[in-house]
C-alpha atoms as a PDB file:
ATOM      1  CA  GLN A   1     -12.946 -11.527  -7.653  1.00  0.00           C
ATOM      2  CA  VAL A   2      -9.271 -10.814  -7.098  1.00  0.00           C
ATOM      3  CA  GLN A   3      -6.545 -12.142  -4.853  1.00  0.00           C
ATOM      4  CA  LEU A   4      -3.930  -9.745  -3.536  1.00  0.00           C
ATOM      5  CA  VAL A   5      -0.510 -10.642  -2.205  1.00  0.00           C
ATOM      6  CA  GLU A   6       1.673  -8.082  -0.484  1.00  0.00           C
ATOM      7  CA  SER A   7       5.419  -8.294  -0.140  1.00  0.00           C
ATOM      8  CA  GLY A   8       8.367  -6.122   0.754  1.00  0.00           C
ATOM      9  CA  GLY A   9       7.760  -5.502   4.420  1.00  0.00           C
ATOM     10  CA  GLY A  10      10.517  -5.770   6.950  1.00  0.00           C
ATOM     11  CA  LEU A  11      12.633  -3.978   9.491  1.00  0.00           C
ATOM     12  CA  VAL A  12      14.186  -0.677   8.532  1.00  0.00           C
ATOM     13  CA  GLN A  13      15.873   2.127  10.429  1.00  0.00           C
ATOM     14  CA  ALA A  14      14.300   5.544  10.749  1.00  0.00           C
ATOM     15  CA  GLY A  15      15.112   7.650   7.724  1.00  0.00           C
ATOM     16  CA  GLY A  16      15.401   4.620   5.515  1.00  0.00           C
ATOM     17  CA  SER A  17      13.371   3.480   2.547  1.00  0.00           C
ATOM     18  CA  LEU A  18      11.295   0.472   1.650  1.00  0.00           C
ATOM     19  CA  ARG A  19       9.158  -0.537  -1.301  1.00  0.00           C
ATOM     20  CA  LEU A  20       6.026  -2.598  -0.883  1.00  0.00           C
ATOM     21  CA  SER A  21       4.480  -4.580  -3.710  1.00  0.00           C
ATOM     22  CA  CYS A  22       0.940  -5.811  -4.199  1.00  0.00           C
ATOM     23  CA  ALA A  23       0.472  -8.463  -6.853  1.00  0.00           C
ATOM     24  CA  ALA A  24      -3.063  -8.953  -8.128  1.00  0.00           C
ATOM     25  CA  SER A  25      -4.452 -12.132  -9.655  1.00  0.00           C
ATOM     26  CA  LYS A  26      -6.162 -10.287 -12.469  1.00  0.00           C
ATOM     27  CA  SER A  27      -5.475  -7.335 -14.682  1.00  0.00           C
ATOM     28  CA  ILE A  28      -5.439  -4.224 -12.554  1.00  0.00           C
ATOM     29  CA  VAL A  29      -6.704  -2.297 -15.543  1.00  0.00           C
ATOM     30  CA  SER A  30     -10.120  -3.725 -14.651  1.00  0.00           C
ATOM     31  CA  ILE A  31      -9.830  -2.587 -11.027  1.00  0.00           C
ATOM     32  CA  SER A  32     -11.144   0.902 -10.504  1.00  0.00           C
ATOM     33  CA  THR A  33      -9.108   1.736  -7.417  1.00  0.00           C
ATOM     34  CA  MET A  34      -6.203   0.104  -5.648  1.00  0.00           C
ATOM     35  CA  GLY A  35      -4.561   1.290  -2.516  1.00  0.00           C
ATOM     36  CA  TRP A  36      -2.569   0.775   0.607  1.00  0.00           C
ATOM     37  CA  TYR A  37      -3.906   0.925   4.133  1.00  0.00           C
ATOM     38  CA  ARG A  38      -2.148   0.376   7.413  1.00  0.00           C
ATOM     39  CA  GLN A  39      -3.008  -0.575  10.934  1.00  0.00           C
ATOM     40  CA  ALA A  40      -0.704   0.046  13.843  1.00  0.00           C
ATOM     41  CA  PRO A  41      -1.113  -1.682  17.212  1.00  0.00           C
ATOM     42  CA  GLY A  42      -4.071  -0.215  19.062  1.00  0.00           C
ATOM     43  CA  LYS A  43      -5.038   1.949  16.105  1.00  0.00           C
ATOM     44  CA  GLN A  44      -7.771   1.898  13.504  1.00  0.00           C
ATOM     45  CA  ARG A  45      -6.976   0.962   9.949  1.00  0.00           C
ATOM     46  CA  GLU A  46      -6.204   4.068   7.963  1.00  0.00           C
ATOM     47  CA  LEU A  47      -5.761   4.989   4.345  1.00  0.00           C
ATOM     48  CA  VAL A  48      -2.196   5.496   3.220  1.00  0.00           C
ATOM     49  CA  ALA A  49      -2.577   6.015  -0.511  1.00  0.00           C
ATOM     50  CA  THR A  50      -4.847   5.067  -3.391  1.00  0.00           C
ATOM     51  CA  ILE A  51      -4.507   5.082  -7.142  1.00  0.00           C
ATOM     52  CA  THR A  52      -7.226   4.772  -9.764  1.00  0.00           C
ATOM     53  CA  SER A  53      -7.134   3.181 -13.175  1.00  0.00           C
ATOM     54  CA  GLY A  54      -6.797   6.718 -14.468  1.00  0.00           C
ATOM     55  CA  ASP A  55      -3.731   7.276 -12.251  1.00  0.00           C
ATOM     56  CA  SER A  56      -5.392   9.712  -9.899  1.00  0.00           C
ATOM     57  CA  THR A  57      -3.779   9.455  -6.476  1.00  0.00           C
ATOM     58  CA  VAL A  58      -4.748  10.252  -2.921  1.00  0.00           C
ATOM     59  CA  TYR A  59      -2.372  10.338   0.033  1.00  0.00           C
ATOM     60  CA  ALA A  60      -2.829  10.605   3.731  1.00  0.00           C
ATOM     61  CA  ASP A  61      -1.447  13.866   5.063  1.00  0.00           C
ATOM     62  CA  SER A  62       0.940  11.940   7.266  1.00  0.00           C
ATOM     63  CA  VAL A  63       2.746  10.409   4.286  1.00  0.00           C
ATOM     64  CA  LYS A  64       2.590  13.163   1.684  1.00  0.00           C
ATOM     65  CA  GLY A  65       6.002  13.927   0.303  1.00  0.00           C
ATOM     66  CA  ARG A  66       7.431  10.694   1.652  1.00  0.00           C
ATOM     67  CA  PHE A  67       5.398   7.897   0.055  1.00  0.00           C
ATOM     68  CA  THR A  68       4.588   7.320  -3.597  1.00  0.00           C
ATOM     69  CA  ILE A  69       2.003   4.915  -4.947  1.00  0.00           C
ATOM     70  CA  SER A  70       2.346   3.631  -8.482  1.00  0.00           C
ATOM     71  CA  ARG A  71       1.135   0.836 -10.705  1.00  0.00           C
ATOM     72  CA  ASP A  72       2.609  -1.437 -13.330  1.00  0.00           C
ATOM     73  CA  ASN A  73      -0.282  -2.707 -15.406  1.00  0.00           C
ATOM     74  CA  ALA A  74       1.880  -5.200 -17.289  1.00  0.00           C
ATOM     75  CA  LYS A  75       2.841  -6.864 -14.005  1.00  0.00           C
ATOM     76  CA  ASN A  76      -0.576  -6.514 -12.376  1.00  0.00           C
ATOM     77  CA  THR A  77       1.224  -4.902  -9.481  1.00  0.00           C
ATOM     78  CA  VAL A  78       0.830  -1.796  -7.360  1.00  0.00           C
ATOM     79  CA  TYR A  79       3.757  -0.393  -5.418  1.00  0.00           C
ATOM     80  CA  LEU A  80       4.218   1.801  -2.413  1.00  0.00           C
ATOM     81  CA  GLN A  81       7.605   3.464  -2.308  1.00  0.00           C
ATOM     82  CA  MET A  82       8.293   4.670   1.203  1.00  0.00           C
ATOM     83  CA  SER A  83      11.114   6.998   2.114  1.00  0.00           C
ATOM     84  CA  SER A  84      12.139   9.019   5.148  1.00  0.00           C
ATOM     85  CA  LEU A  85      10.479   6.390   7.269  1.00  0.00           C
ATOM     86  CA  LYS A  86       9.540   7.226  10.827  1.00  0.00           C
ATOM     87  CA  PRO A  87       8.866   4.951  13.792  1.00  0.00           C
ATOM     88  CA  GLU A  88       5.217   5.992  13.615  1.00  0.00           C
ATOM     89  CA  ASP A  89       5.036   4.367  10.178  1.00  0.00           C
ATOM     90  CA  THR A  90       5.321   0.998  11.892  1.00  0.00           C
ATOM     91  CA  ALA A  91       2.208  -0.986  11.024  1.00  0.00           C
ATOM     92  CA  ASN A  92       0.758  -3.840   9.080  1.00  0.00           C
ATOM     93  CA  TYR A  93       0.271  -2.616   5.539  1.00  0.00           C
ATOM     94  CA  TYR A  94      -2.628  -4.006   3.538  1.00  0.00           C
ATOM     95  CA  CYS A  95      -3.307  -3.878  -0.163  1.00  0.00           C
ATOM     96  CA  ASN A  96      -6.851  -3.094  -1.208  1.00  0.00           C
ATOM     97  CA  ALA A  97      -8.761  -3.329  -4.465  1.00  0.00           C
ATOM     98  CA  VAL A  98     -12.190  -1.921  -5.183  1.00  0.00           C
ATOM     99  CA  ILE A  99     -14.275  -3.632  -7.832  1.00  0.00           C
ATOM    100  CA  SER A 100     -17.804  -2.362  -8.205  1.00  0.00           C
ATOM    101  CA  ILE A 101     -19.274  -2.310  -4.689  1.00  0.00           C
ATOM    102  CA  TRP A 102     -16.821  -4.796  -3.184  1.00  0.00           C
ATOM    103  CA  SER A 103     -13.485  -4.349  -1.481  1.00  0.00           C
ATOM    104  CA  TYR A 104     -10.797  -7.008  -1.493  1.00  0.00           C
ATOM    105  CA  TRP A 105      -7.869  -7.234   0.881  1.00  0.00           C
ATOM    106  CA  GLY A 106      -4.516  -8.889   1.026  1.00  0.00           C
ATOM    107  CA  LYS A 107      -3.220 -10.515   4.180  1.00  0.00           C
ATOM    108  CA  GLY A 108      -0.814  -7.696   4.883  1.00  0.00           C
ATOM    109  CA  THR A 109       2.892  -7.198   5.281  1.00  0.00           C
ATOM    110  CA  LEU A 110       4.560  -5.879   8.406  1.00  0.00           C
ATOM    111  CA  VAL A 111       6.713  -2.779   8.313  1.00  0.00           C
ATOM    112  CA  THR A 112       8.747  -2.012  11.403  1.00  0.00           C
ATOM    113  CA  VAL A 113      10.729   1.208  11.628  1.00  0.00           C
ATOM    114  CA  SER A 114      13.286   1.337  14.385  1.00  0.00           C
ATOM    115  CA  SER A 115      14.486   4.539  16.000  1.00  0.00           C
END
């Protein structure tokens, strides 16, 4: 019951920063949990970070201290601020929303970190 559109991906050098955005088609106040996942070539999709409507956050150990997830309820948008990027961060990044027992996914945005 929600459409998600990611943006902000691109090519960045190692050590650089990038901010991803996920725009939702409905008020994110009504979405219990939103998050970012990524999938690198030959790898399984993995959780990067999640944020609840109550602003509780969860981060993968690999990104703690470097990535920050946040939400702007007025803009129906969730962000992923990425800093100190590493080549191993290269992946397709997908926005996710959980509503009741269903998960919704965006089409993804590619982040490439060059060494």
